[in-house]
Amino acid sequence: MEKLTQQEEIAMLAVWKTGSGFVKDFLEAHTAPQPPYTTLASTIKNLEKKGYLQSRKMGNVYEYTPVIAENEYKQKFMNGFVKDYFDDSYKSLVTFFAKEKKITPDELKEILKMIEKN
């Protein structure tokens, strides 16, 4: 699947939050600042063209349903992100955050416990 723009990702978050729905439903679930209706409608159409949404015509409007689950998208995005920016090394990713002081020693210990459990 094609990578999403920031605007498309924000729209998809509203779609995932709503589940199936109409553009007006996604607009209500959209984070502030809300885009104009027509802008969101165009973004939704682009998401459908990219294969992230499917539509079903109901009278004069379309109901949209996500084709990809939020967790699946996050997993694909993170794998690509780590590959592109950290030479496919999650260790490098964690090291980067530790050096930048974006993660505390207690958080690292918690992560280690999670890894050891699984």
PDB file of N, CA and C in Angstrom:
ATOM      1  N   MET A   1       0.834  -1.188   0.000  1.00  0.00           N
ATOM      2  CA  MET A   1       0.000   0.000   0.000  1.00  0.00           C
ATOM      3  C   MET A   1       0.876   1.248   0.000  1.00  0.00           C
ATOM      4  N   GLU A   2       0.362   2.257  -0.652  1.00  0.00           N
ATOM      5  CA  GLU A   2       1.070   3.530  -0.752  1.00  0.00           C
ATOM      6  C   GLU A   2       1.096   4.241   0.599  1.00  0.00           C
ATOM      7  N   LYS A   3       2.223   4.885   0.902  1.00  0.00           N
ATOM      8  CA  LYS A   3       2.380   5.621   2.156  1.00  0.00           C
ATOM      9  C   LYS A   3       1.390   6.785   2.206  1.00  0.00           C
ATOM     10  N   LEU A   4       0.898   7.076   3.377  1.00  0.00           N
ATOM     11  CA  LEU A   4      -0.063   8.155   3.561  1.00  0.00           C
ATOM     12  C   LEU A   4       0.624   9.472   3.885  1.00  0.00           C
ATOM     13  N   THR A   5       0.002  10.552   3.449  1.00  0.00           N
ATOM     14  CA  THR A   5       0.455  11.880   3.847  1.00  0.00           C
ATOM     15  C   THR A   5      -0.020  12.122   5.269  1.00  0.00           C
ATOM     16  N   GLN A   6       0.483  13.174   5.887  1.00  0.00           N
ATOM     17  CA  GLN A   6       0.056  13.492   7.257  1.00  0.00           C
ATOM     18  C   GLN A   6      -1.448  13.763   7.296  1.00  0.00           C
ATOM     19  N   GLN A   7      -1.953  14.490   6.318  1.00  0.00           N
ATOM     20  CA  GLN A   7      -3.387  14.798   6.254  1.00  0.00           C
ATOM     21  C   GLN A   7      -4.206  13.507   6.120  1.00  0.00           C
ATOM     22  N   GLU A   8      -3.716  12.572   5.305  1.00  0.00           N
ATOM     23  CA  GLU A   8      -4.420  11.302   5.138  1.00  0.00           C
ATOM     24  C   GLU A   8      -4.371  10.466   6.409  1.00  0.00           C
ATOM     25  N   GLU A   9      -3.238  10.474   7.100  1.00  0.00           N
ATOM     26  CA  GLU A   9      -3.138   9.726   8.361  1.00  0.00           C
ATOM     27  C   GLU A   9      -4.121  10.260   9.398  1.00  0.00           C
ATOM     28  N   ILE A  10      -4.228  11.574   9.485  1.00  0.00           N
ATOM     29  CA  ILE A  10      -5.161  12.180  10.444  1.00  0.00           C
ATOM     30  C   ILE A  10      -6.589  11.800  10.089  1.00  0.00           C
ATOM     31  N   ALA A  11      -6.901  11.798   8.796  1.00  0.00           N
ATOM     32  CA  ALA A  11      -8.240  11.391   8.354  1.00  0.00           C
ATOM     33  C   ALA A  11      -8.492   9.921   8.688  1.00  0.00           C
ATOM     34  N   MET A  12      -7.474   9.077   8.475  1.00  0.00           N
ATOM     35  CA  MET A  12      -7.637   7.654   8.790  1.00  0.00           C
ATOM     36  C   MET A  12      -7.844   7.433  10.283  1.00  0.00           C
ATOM     37  N   LEU A  13      -7.199   8.238  11.121  1.00  0.00           N
ATOM     38  CA  LEU A  13      -7.435   8.115  12.561  1.00  0.00           C
ATOM     39  C   LEU A  13      -8.904   8.369  12.888  1.00  0.00           C
ATOM     40  N   ALA A  14      -9.503   9.342  12.217  1.00  0.00           N
ATOM     41  CA  ALA A  14     -10.929   9.623  12.417  1.00  0.00           C
ATOM     42  C   ALA A  14     -11.776   8.466  11.905  1.00  0.00           C
ATOM     43  N   VAL A  15     -11.380   7.880  10.782  1.00  0.00           N
ATOM     44  CA  VAL A  15     -12.108   6.734  10.232  1.00  0.00           C
ATOM     45  C   VAL A  15     -12.021   5.550  11.185  1.00  0.00           C
ATOM     46  N   TRP A  16     -10.819   5.239  11.655  1.00  0.00           N
ATOM     47  CA  TRP A  16     -10.657   4.114  12.576  1.00  0.00           C
ATOM     48  C   TRP A  16     -11.430   4.345  13.867  1.00  0.00           C
ATOM     49  N   LYS A  17     -11.457   5.572  14.318  1.00  0.00           N
ATOM     50  CA  LYS A  17     -12.193   5.907  15.547  1.00  0.00           C
ATOM     51  C   LYS A  17     -13.683   5.672  15.352  1.00  0.00           C
ATOM     52  N   THR A  18     -14.174   5.990  14.156  1.00  0.00           N
ATOM     53  CA  THR A  18     -15.594   5.889  13.849  1.00  0.00           C
ATOM     54  C   THR A  18     -15.986   4.483  13.412  1.00  0.00           C
ATOM     55  N   GLY A  19     -15.094   3.812  12.704  1.00  0.00           N
ATOM     56  CA  GLY A  19     -15.442   2.537  12.062  1.00  0.00           C
ATOM     57  C   GLY A  19     -16.017   2.874  10.703  1.00  0.00           C
ATOM     58  N   SER A  20     -17.043   2.194  10.284  1.00  0.00           N
ATOM     59  CA  SER A  20     -17.719   2.548   9.034  1.00  0.00           C
ATOM     60  C   SER A  20     -18.514   3.816   9.245  1.00  0.00           C
ATOM     61  N   GLY A  21     -18.596   4.634   8.189  1.00  0.00           N
ATOM     62  CA  GLY A  21     -19.383   5.853   8.326  1.00  0.00           C
ATOM     63  C   GLY A  21     -19.317   6.719   7.084  1.00  0.00           C
ATOM     64  N   PHE A  22     -19.862   7.897   7.249  1.00  0.00           N
ATOM     65  CA  PHE A  22     -19.942   8.880   6.177  1.00  0.00           C
ATOM     66  C   PHE A  22     -18.961  10.009   6.470  1.00  0.00           C
ATOM     67  N   VAL A  23     -18.694  10.824   5.463  1.00  0.00           N
ATOM     68  CA  VAL A  23     -17.732  11.919   5.636  1.00  0.00           C
ATOM     69  C   VAL A  23     -18.105  12.777   6.834  1.00  0.00           C
ATOM     70  N   LYS A  24     -19.390  13.062   7.016  1.00  0.00           N
ATOM     71  CA  LYS A  24     -19.813  13.905   8.154  1.00  0.00           C
ATOM     72  C   LYS A  24     -19.469  13.246   9.491  1.00  0.00           C
ATOM     73  N   ASP A  25     -19.552  11.914   9.551  1.00  0.00           N
ATOM     74  CA  ASP A  25     -19.176  11.197  10.781  1.00  0.00           C
ATOM     75  C   ASP A  25     -17.680  11.338  11.063  1.00  0.00           C
ATOM     76  N   PHE A  26     -16.885  11.239   9.991  1.00  0.00           N
ATOM     77  CA  PHE A  26     -15.436  11.357  10.145  1.00  0.00           C
ATOM     78  C   PHE A  26     -15.046  12.781  10.520  1.00  0.00           C
ATOM     79  N   LEU A  27     -15.801  13.735  10.017  1.00  0.00           N
ATOM     80  CA  LEU A  27     -15.541  15.133  10.354  1.00  0.00           C
ATOM     81  C   LEU A  27     -15.758  15.365  11.849  1.00  0.00           C
ATOM     82  N   GLU A  28     -16.804  14.770  12.397  1.00  0.00           N
ATOM     83  CA  GLU A  28     -17.098  14.909  13.827  1.00  0.00           C
ATOM     84  C   GLU A  28     -16.010  14.254  14.682  1.00  0.00           C
ATOM     85  N   ALA A  29     -15.435  13.164  14.180  1.00  0.00           N
ATOM     86  CA  ALA A  29     -14.404  12.442  14.936  1.00  0.00           C
ATOM     87  C   ALA A  29     -13.003  12.997  14.691  1.00  0.00           C
ATOM     88  N   HIS A  30     -12.881  13.913  13.752  1.00  0.00           N
ATOM     89  CA  HIS A  30     -11.586  14.483  13.368  1.00  0.00           C
ATOM     90  C   HIS A  30     -11.049  15.362  14.490  1.00  0.00           C
ATOM     91  N   THR A  31      -9.733  15.311  14.682  1.00  0.00           N
ATOM     92  CA  THR A  31      -9.123  16.158  15.705  1.00  0.00           C
ATOM     93  C   THR A  31      -9.150  17.619  15.269  1.00  0.00           C
ATOM     94  N   ALA A  32      -9.083  18.497  16.228  1.00  0.00           N
ATOM     95  CA  ALA A  32      -9.069  19.936  15.932  1.00  0.00           C
ATOM     96  C   ALA A  32      -7.704  20.318  15.397  1.00  0.00           C
ATOM     97  N   PRO A  33      -7.606  21.245  14.506  1.00  0.00           N
ATOM     98  CA  PRO A  33      -8.702  21.943  13.843  1.00  0.00           C
ATOM     99  C   PRO A  33      -9.303  21.074  12.744  1.00  0.00           C
ATOM    100  N   GLN A  34     -10.620  21.076  12.682  1.00  0.00           N
ATOM    101  CA  GLN A  34     -11.309  20.293  11.664  1.00  0.00           C
ATOM    102  C   GLN A  34     -11.145  20.947  10.294  1.00  0.00           C
ATOM    103  N   PRO A  35     -10.884  20.132   9.279  1.00  0.00           N
ATOM    104  CA  PRO A  35     -10.786  20.689   7.925  1.00  0.00           C
ATOM    105  C   PRO A  35     -12.179  20.994   7.389  1.00  0.00           C
ATOM    106  N   PRO A  36     -12.279  21.783   6.321  1.00  0.00           N
ATOM    107  CA  PRO A  36     -13.581  21.965   5.678  1.00  0.00           C
ATOM    108  C   PRO A  36     -14.109  20.611   5.185  1.00  0.00           C
ATOM    109  N   TYR A  37     -15.404  20.474   5.109  1.00  0.00           N
ATOM    110  CA  TYR A  37     -16.045  19.224   4.671  1.00  0.00           C
ATOM    111  C   TYR A  37     -15.490  18.775   3.332  1.00  0.00           C
ATOM    112  N   THR A  38     -15.383  19.704   2.372  1.00  0.00           N
ATOM    113  CA  THR A  38     -14.934  19.343   1.026  1.00  0.00           C
ATOM    114  C   THR A  38     -13.493  18.834   1.023  1.00  0.00           C
ATOM    115  N   THR A  39     -12.653  19.395   1.877  1.00  0.00           N
ATOM    116  CA  THR A  39     -11.262  18.949   1.976  1.00  0.00           C
ATOM    117  C   THR A  39     -11.208  17.522   2.505  1.00  0.00           C
ATOM    118  N   LEU A  40     -11.989  17.258   3.544  1.00  0.00           N
ATOM    119  CA  LEU A  40     -12.018  15.909   4.106  1.00  0.00           C
ATOM    120  C   LEU A  40     -12.610  14.930   3.098  1.00  0.00           C
ATOM    121  N   ALA A  41     -13.640  15.335   2.387  1.00  0.00           N
ATOM    122  CA  ALA A  41     -14.245  14.458   1.382  1.00  0.00           C
ATOM    123  C   ALA A  41     -13.230  14.095   0.302  1.00  0.00           C
ATOM    124  N   SER A  42     -12.425  15.044  -0.127  1.00  0.00           N
ATOM    125  CA  SER A  42     -11.374  14.772  -1.129  1.00  0.00           C
ATOM    126  C   SER A  42     -10.329  13.817  -0.568  1.00  0.00           C
ATOM    127  N   THR A  43      -9.959  14.031   0.677  1.00  0.00           N
ATOM    128  CA  THR A  43      -8.974  13.160   1.324  1.00  0.00           C
ATOM    129  C   THR A  43      -9.514  11.736   1.424  1.00  0.00           C
ATOM    130  N   ILE A  44     -10.775  11.610   1.777  1.00  0.00           N
ATOM    131  CA  ILE A  44     -11.412  10.291   1.885  1.00  0.00           C
ATOM    132  C   ILE A  44     -11.408   9.595   0.522  1.00  0.00           C
ATOM    133  N   LYS A  45     -11.725  10.322  -0.535  1.00  0.00           N
ATOM    134  CA  LYS A  45     -11.690   9.758  -1.900  1.00  0.00           C
ATOM    135  C   LYS A  45     -10.279   9.285  -2.247  1.00  0.00           C
ATOM    136  N   ASN A  46      -9.260  10.078  -1.875  1.00  0.00           N
ATOM    137  CA  ASN A  46      -7.875   9.681  -2.127  1.00  0.00           C
ATOM    138  C   ASN A  46      -7.527   8.395  -1.370  1.00  0.00           C
ATOM    139  N   LEU A  47      -8.013   8.294  -0.138  1.00  0.00           N
ATOM    140  CA  LEU A  47      -7.765   7.093   0.660  1.00  0.00           C
ATOM    141  C   LEU A  47      -8.417   5.866   0.021  1.00  0.00           C
ATOM    142  N   GLU A  48      -9.570   6.083  -0.584  1.00  0.00           N
ATOM    143  CA  GLU A  48     -10.233   4.984  -1.286  1.00  0.00           C
ATOM    144  C   GLU A  48      -9.407   4.581  -2.518  1.00  0.00           C
ATOM    145  N   LYS A  49      -8.909   5.554  -3.265  1.00  0.00           N
ATOM    146  CA  LYS A  49      -8.081   5.268  -4.446  1.00  0.00           C
ATOM    147  C   LYS A  49      -6.811   4.530  -4.070  1.00  0.00           C
ATOM    148  N   LYS A  50      -6.249   4.852  -2.908  1.00  0.00           N
ATOM    149  CA  LYS A  50      -5.018   4.207  -2.441  1.00  0.00           C
ATOM    150  C   LYS A  50      -5.279   2.823  -1.852  1.00  0.00           C
ATOM    151  N   GLY A  51      -6.546   2.454  -1.682  1.00  0.00           N
ATOM    152  CA  GLY A  51      -6.883   1.129  -1.184  1.00  0.00           C
ATOM    153  C   GLY A  51      -7.036   1.009   0.315  1.00  0.00           C
ATOM    154  N   TYR A  52      -7.095   2.137   1.015  1.00  0.00           N
ATOM    155  CA  TYR A  52      -7.259   2.114   2.469  1.00  0.00           C
ATOM    156  C   TYR A  52      -8.727   2.046   2.885  1.00  0.00           C
ATOM    157  N   LEU A  53      -9.618   2.483   2.008  1.00  0.00           N
ATOM    158  CA  LEU A  53     -11.049   2.487   2.293  1.00  0.00           C
ATOM    159  C   LEU A  53     -11.798   1.839   1.140  1.00  0.00           C
ATOM    160  N   GLN A  54     -12.967   1.320   1.457  1.00  0.00           N
ATOM    161  CA  GLN A  54     -13.889   0.883   0.412  1.00  0.00           C
ATOM    162  C   GLN A  54     -15.199   1.614   0.652  1.00  0.00           C
ATOM    163  N   SER A  55     -15.957   1.813  -0.417  1.00  0.00           N
ATOM    164  CA  SER A  55     -17.195   2.572  -0.273  1.00  0.00           C
ATOM    165  C   SER A  55     -18.392   1.770  -0.764  1.00  0.00           C
ATOM    166  N   ARG A  56     -19.535   2.201  -0.276  1.00  0.00           N
ATOM    167  CA  ARG A  56     -20.807   1.611  -0.666  1.00  0.00           C
ATOM    168  C   ARG A  56     -21.786   2.767  -0.805  1.00  0.00           C
ATOM    169  N   LYS A  57     -22.401   2.893  -1.991  1.00  0.00           N
ATOM    170  CA  LYS A  57     -23.325   3.995  -2.227  1.00  0.00           C
ATOM    171  C   LYS A  57     -24.649   3.716  -1.542  1.00  0.00           C
ATOM    172  N   MET A  58     -25.110   4.715  -0.797  1.00  0.00           N
ATOM    173  CA  MET A  58     -26.392   4.628  -0.095  1.00  0.00           C
ATOM    174  C   MET A  58     -27.175   5.888  -0.428  1.00  0.00           C
ATOM    175  N   GLY A  59     -28.051   5.784  -1.412  1.00  0.00           N
ATOM    176  CA  GLY A  59     -28.775   6.966  -1.876  1.00  0.00           C
ATOM    177  C   GLY A  59     -27.825   7.903  -2.591  1.00  0.00           C
ATOM    178  N   ASN A  60     -27.700   9.123  -2.080  1.00  0.00           N
ATOM    179  CA  ASN A  60     -26.823  10.123  -2.691  1.00  0.00           C
ATOM    180  C   ASN A  60     -25.457  10.226  -2.022  1.00  0.00           C
ATOM    181  N   VAL A  61     -25.205   9.418  -1.003  1.00  0.00           N
ATOM    182  CA  VAL A  61     -23.945   9.508  -0.264  1.00  0.00           C
ATOM    183  C   VAL A  61     -23.244   8.146  -0.244  1.00  0.00           C
ATOM    184  N   TYR A  62     -21.985   8.191   0.135  1.00  0.00           N
ATOM    185  CA  TYR A  62     -21.197   6.969   0.228  1.00  0.00           C
ATOM    186  C   TYR A  62     -20.863   6.681   1.686  1.00  0.00           C
ATOM    187  N   GLU A  63     -20.965   5.412   2.038  1.00  0.00           N
ATOM    188  CA  GLU A  63     -20.517   4.950   3.343  1.00  0.00           C
ATOM    189  C   GLU A  63     -19.142   4.315   3.132  1.00  0.00           C
ATOM    190  N   TYR A  64     -18.194   4.679   3.978  1.00  0.00           N
ATOM    191  CA  TYR A  64     -16.821   4.199   3.850  1.00  0.00           C
ATOM    192  C   TYR A  64     -16.476   3.262   4.995  1.00  0.00           C
ATOM    193  N   THR A  65     -15.697   2.244   4.651  1.00  0.00           N
ATOM    194  CA  THR A  65     -15.238   1.262   5.626  1.00  0.00           C
ATOM    195  C   THR A  65     -13.733   1.075   5.448  1.00  0.00           C
ATOM    196  N   PRO A  66     -12.977   1.044   6.542  1.00  0.00           N
ATOM    197  CA  PRO A  66     -11.531   0.821   6.405  1.00  0.00           C
ATOM    198  C   PRO A  66     -11.233  -0.586   5.885  1.00  0.00           C
ATOM    199  N   VAL A  67     -10.255  -0.671   5.008  1.00  0.00           N
ATOM    200  CA  VAL A  67      -9.812  -1.955   4.472  1.00  0.00           C
ATOM    201  C   VAL A  67      -8.683  -2.509   5.323  1.00  0.00           C
ATOM    202  N   ILE A  68      -7.918  -1.627   5.938  1.00  0.00           N
ATOM    203  CA  ILE A  68      -6.780  -2.007   6.765  1.00  0.00           C
ATOM    204  C   ILE A  68      -7.048  -1.559   8.205  1.00  0.00           C
ATOM    205  N   ALA A  69      -6.740  -2.424   9.144  1.00  0.00           N
ATOM    206  CA  ALA A  69      -6.932  -2.089  10.558  1.00  0.00           C
ATOM    207  C   ALA A  69      -5.831  -1.135  11.022  1.00  0.00           C
ATOM    208  N   GLU A  70      -6.137  -0.358  12.040  1.00  0.00           N
ATOM    209  CA  GLU A  70      -5.184   0.622  12.565  1.00  0.00           C
ATOM    210  C   GLU A  70      -3.878  -0.049  13.007  1.00  0.00           C
ATOM    211  N   ASN A  71      -3.981  -1.165  13.723  1.00  0.00           N
ATOM    212  CA  ASN A  71      -2.778  -1.857  14.198  1.00  0.00           C
ATOM    213  C   ASN A  71      -1.923  -2.356  13.041  1.00  0.00           C
ATOM    214  N   GLU A  72      -2.568  -2.840  11.991  1.00  0.00           N
ATOM    215  CA  GLU A  72      -1.838  -3.326  10.820  1.00  0.00           C
ATOM    216  C   GLU A  72      -1.085  -2.183  10.148  1.00  0.00           C
ATOM    217  N   TYR A  73      -1.742  -1.023  10.030  1.00  0.00           N
ATOM    218  CA  TYR A  73      -1.083   0.140   9.430  1.00  0.00           C
ATOM    219  C   TYR A  73       0.105   0.576  10.286  1.00  0.00           C
ATOM    220  N   LYS A  74      -0.092   0.650  11.592  1.00  0.00           N
ATOM    221  CA  LYS A  74       0.991   1.074  12.488  1.00  0.00           C
ATOM    222  C   LYS A  74       2.182   0.127  12.372  1.00  0.00           C
ATOM    223  N   GLN A  75       1.907  -1.154  12.291  1.00  0.00           N
ATOM    224  CA  GLN A  75       2.986  -2.133  12.188  1.00  0.00           C
ATOM    225  C   GLN A  75       3.767  -1.933  10.895  1.00  0.00           C
ATOM    226  N   LYS A  76       3.060  -1.764   9.770  1.00  0.00           N
ATOM    227  CA  LYS A  76       3.732  -1.538   8.484  1.00  0.00           C
ATOM    228  C   LYS A  76       4.511  -0.225   8.510  1.00  0.00           C
ATOM    229  N   PHE A  77       3.906   0.820   9.072  1.00  0.00           N
ATOM    230  CA  PHE A  77       4.564   2.117   9.128  1.00  0.00           C
ATOM    231  C   PHE A  77       5.828   2.047   9.978  1.00  0.00           C
ATOM    232  N   MET A  78       5.726   1.439  11.146  1.00  0.00           N
ATOM    233  CA  MET A  78       6.888   1.372  12.045  1.00  0.00           C
ATOM    234  C   MET A  78       8.005   0.533  11.438  1.00  0.00           C
ATOM    235  N   ASN A  79       7.656  -0.572  10.801  1.00  0.00           N
ATOM    236  CA  ASN A  79       8.682  -1.391  10.165  1.00  0.00           C
ATOM    237  C   ASN A  79       9.413  -0.590   9.092  1.00  0.00           C
ATOM    238  N   GLY A  80       8.682   0.166   8.293  1.00  0.00           N
ATOM    239  CA  GLY A  80       9.295   1.004   7.263  1.00  0.00           C
ATOM    240  C   GLY A  80      10.117   2.124   7.868  1.00  0.00           C
ATOM    241  N   PHE A  81       9.608   2.720   8.933  1.00  0.00           N
ATOM    242  CA  PHE A  81      10.296   3.812   9.616  1.00  0.00           C
ATOM    243  C   PHE A  81      11.636   3.335  10.178  1.00  0.00           C
ATOM    244  N   VAL A  82      11.612   2.204  10.861  1.00  0.00           N
ATOM    245  CA  VAL A  82      12.843   1.662  11.452  1.00  0.00           C
ATOM    246  C   VAL A  82      13.822   1.274  10.350  1.00  0.00           C
ATOM    247  N   LYS A  83      13.313   0.698   9.278  1.00  0.00           N
ATOM    248  CA  LYS A  83      14.178   0.311   8.157  1.00  0.00           C
ATOM    249  C   LYS A  83      14.833   1.539   7.519  1.00  0.00           C
ATOM    250  N   ASP A  84      14.033   2.585   7.271  1.00  0.00           N
ATOM    251  CA  ASP A  84      14.527   3.779   6.574  1.00  0.00           C
ATOM    252  C   ASP A  84      15.441   4.652   7.428  1.00  0.00           C
ATOM    253  N   TYR A  85      15.144   4.790   8.711  1.00  0.00           N
ATOM    254  CA  TYR A  85      15.870   5.742   9.549  1.00  0.00           C
ATOM    255  C   TYR A  85      16.847   5.117  10.534  1.00  0.00           C
ATOM    256  N   PHE A  86      16.700   3.819  10.803  1.00  0.00           N
ATOM    257  CA  PHE A  86      17.538   3.185  11.817  1.00  0.00           C
ATOM    258  C   PHE A  86      18.173   1.888  11.316  1.00  0.00           C
ATOM    259  N   ASP A  87      18.412   1.812  10.012  1.00  0.00           N
ATOM    260  CA  ASP A  87      19.076   0.655   9.398  1.00  0.00           C
ATOM    261  C   ASP A  87      18.444  -0.673   9.815  1.00  0.00           C
ATOM    262  N   ASP A  88      17.128  -0.670   9.928  1.00  0.00           N
ATOM    263  CA  ASP A  88      16.353  -1.871  10.265  1.00  0.00           C
ATOM    264  C   ASP A  88      16.723  -2.432  11.640  1.00  0.00           C
ATOM    265  N   SER A  89      17.129  -1.540  12.560  1.00  0.00           N
ATOM    266  CA  SER A  89      17.548  -1.957  13.901  1.00  0.00           C
ATOM    267  C   SER A  89      16.688  -1.266  14.960  1.00  0.00           C
ATOM    268  N   TYR A  90      15.889  -2.068  15.662  1.00  0.00           N
ATOM    269  CA  TYR A  90      15.095  -1.510  16.757  1.00  0.00           C
ATOM    270  C   TYR A  90      16.002  -1.099  17.918  1.00  0.00           C
ATOM    271  N   LYS A  91      17.136  -1.757  18.035  1.00  0.00           N
ATOM    272  CA  LYS A  91      18.112  -1.367  19.052  1.00  0.00           C
ATOM    273  C   LYS A  91      18.577   0.062  18.796  1.00  0.00           C
ATOM    274  N   SER A  92      18.844   0.394  17.533  1.00  0.00           N
ATOM    275  CA  SER A  92      19.252   1.764  17.183  1.00  0.00           C
ATOM    276  C   SER A  92      18.141   2.759  17.495  1.00  0.00           C
ATOM    277  N   LEU A  93      16.904   2.358  17.276  1.00  0.00           N
ATOM    278  CA  LEU A  93      15.758   3.213  17.581  1.00  0.00           C
ATOM    279  C   LEU A  93      15.703   3.527  19.073  1.00  0.00           C
ATOM    280  N   VAL A  94      15.804   2.497  19.903  1.00  0.00           N
ATOM    281  CA  VAL A  94      15.750   2.687  21.351  1.00  0.00           C
ATOM    282  C   VAL A  94      16.953   3.498  21.830  1.00  0.00           C
ATOM    283  N   THR A  95      18.114   3.222  21.266  1.00  0.00           N
ATOM    284  CA  THR A  95      19.321   3.971  21.617  1.00  0.00           C
ATOM    285  C   THR A  95      19.161   5.447  21.293  1.00  0.00           C
ATOM    286  N   PHE A  96      18.574   5.735  20.150  1.00  0.00           N
ATOM    287  CA  PHE A  96      18.331   7.123  19.752  1.00  0.00           C
ATOM    288  C   PHE A  96      17.464   7.828  20.796  1.00  0.00           C
ATOM    289  N   PHE A  97      16.369   7.191  21.196  1.00  0.00           N
ATOM    290  CA  PHE A  97      15.478   7.811  22.176  1.00  0.00           C
ATOM    291  C   PHE A  97      16.148   7.951  23.536  1.00  0.00           C
ATOM    292  N   ALA A  98      16.986   7.009  23.894  1.00  0.00           N
ATOM    293  CA  ALA A  98      17.705   7.101  25.170  1.00  0.00           C
ATOM    294  C   ALA A  98      18.684   8.272  25.140  1.00  0.00           C
ATOM    295  N   LYS A  99      19.430   8.407  24.045  1.00  0.00           N
ATOM    296  CA  LYS A  99      20.393   9.509  23.920  1.00  0.00           C
ATOM    297  C   LYS A  99      19.699  10.863  23.906  1.00  0.00           C
ATOM    298  N   GLU A 100      18.528  10.917  23.301  1.00  0.00           N
ATOM    299  CA  GLU A 100      17.769  12.167  23.219  1.00  0.00           C
ATOM    300  C   GLU A 100      16.971  12.441  24.496  1.00  0.00           C
ATOM    301  N   LYS A 101      17.103  11.537  25.468  1.00  0.00           N
ATOM    302  CA  LYS A 101      16.392  11.651  26.750  1.00  0.00           C
ATOM    303  C   LYS A 101      14.876  11.715  26.561  1.00  0.00           C
ATOM    304  N   LYS A 102      14.383  10.906  25.621  1.00  0.00           N
ATOM    305  CA  LYS A 102      12.949  10.809  25.345  1.00  0.00           C
ATOM    306  C   LYS A 102      12.348   9.584  26.023  1.00  0.00           C
ATOM    307  N   ILE A 103      13.228   8.783  26.641  1.00  0.00           N
ATOM    308  CA  ILE A 103      12.777   7.598  27.349  1.00  0.00           C
ATOM    309  C   ILE A 103      13.578   7.504  28.647  1.00  0.00           C
ATOM    310  N   THR A 104      12.893   7.205  29.727  1.00  0.00           N
ATOM    311  CA  THR A 104      13.548   7.161  31.041  1.00  0.00           C
ATOM    312  C   THR A 104      14.067   5.748  31.338  1.00  0.00           C
ATOM    313  N   PRO A 105      14.997   5.647  32.275  1.00  0.00           N
ATOM    314  CA  PRO A 105      15.462   4.316  32.679  1.00  0.00           C
ATOM    315  C   PRO A 105      14.319   3.418  33.175  1.00  0.00           C
ATOM    316  N   ASP A 106      13.371   4.008  33.887  1.00  0.00           N
ATOM    317  CA  ASP A 106      12.226   3.215  34.371  1.00  0.00           C
ATOM    318  C   ASP A 106      11.392   2.688  33.199  1.00  0.00           C
ATOM    319  N   GLU A 107      11.232   3.508  32.173  1.00  0.00           N
ATOM    320  CA  GLU A 107      10.492   3.061  30.991  1.00  0.00           C
ATOM    321  C   GLU A 107      11.241   1.935  30.274  1.00  0.00           C
ATOM    322  N   LEU A 108      12.567   2.049  30.214  1.00  0.00           N
ATOM    323  CA  LEU A 108      13.368   0.986  29.614  1.00  0.00           C
ATOM    324  C   LEU A 108      13.229  -0.319  30.397  1.00  0.00           C
ATOM    325  N   LYS A 109      13.236  -0.211  31.720  1.00  0.00           N
ATOM    326  CA  LYS A 109      13.060  -1.402  32.552  1.00  0.00           C
ATOM    327  C   LYS A 109      11.696  -2.037  32.305  1.00  0.00           C
ATOM    328  N   GLU A 110      10.689  -1.193  32.163  1.00  0.00           N
ATOM    329  CA  GLU A 110       9.338  -1.683  31.887  1.00  0.00           C
ATOM    330  C   GLU A 110       9.286  -2.402  30.532  1.00  0.00           C
ATOM    331  N   ILE A 111       9.977  -1.850  29.553  1.00  0.00           N
ATOM    332  CA  ILE A 111      10.031  -2.477  28.219  1.00  0.00           C
ATOM    333  C   ILE A 111      10.733  -3.833  28.318  1.00  0.00           C
ATOM    334  N   LEU A 112      11.836  -3.888  29.065  1.00  0.00           N
ATOM    335  CA  LEU A 112      12.554  -5.142  29.242  1.00  0.00           C
ATOM    336  C   LEU A 112      11.662  -6.216  29.884  1.00  0.00           C
ATOM    337  N   LYS A 113      10.885  -5.812  30.870  1.00  0.00           N
ATOM    338  CA  LYS A 113       9.967  -6.748  31.535  1.00  0.00           C
ATOM    339  C   LYS A 113       8.942  -7.283  30.525  1.00  0.00           C
ATOM    340  N   MET A 114       8.435  -6.389  29.673  1.00  0.00           N
ATOM    341  CA  MET A 114       7.471  -6.802  28.649  1.00  0.00           C
ATOM    342  C   MET A 114       8.093  -7.796  27.684  1.00  0.00           C
ATOM    343  N   ILE A 115       9.351  -7.548  27.296  1.00  0.00           N
ATOM    344  CA  ILE A 115      10.046  -8.438  26.368  1.00  0.00           C
ATOM    345  C   ILE A 115      10.279  -9.793  27.014  1.00  0.00           C
ATOM    346  N   GLU A 116      10.694  -9.781  28.271  1.00  0.00           N
ATOM    347  CA  GLU A 116      10.960 -11.033  28.977  1.00  0.00           C
ATOM    348  C   GLU A 116       9.689 -11.842  29.185  1.00  0.00           C
ATOM    349  N   LYS A 117       8.556 -11.196  29.386  1.00  0.00           N
ATOM    350  CA  LYS A 117       7.280 -11.885  29.557  1.00  0.00           C
ATOM    351  C   LYS A 117       6.886 -12.617  28.279  1.00  0.00           C
ATOM    352  N   ASN A 118       7.128 -11.968  27.147  1.00  0.00           N
ATOM    353  CA  ASN A 118       6.718 -12.564  25.875  1.00  0.00           C
ATOM    354  C   ASN A 118       7.854 -13.366  25.305  1.00  0.00           C
TER     355      ASN A 118
END
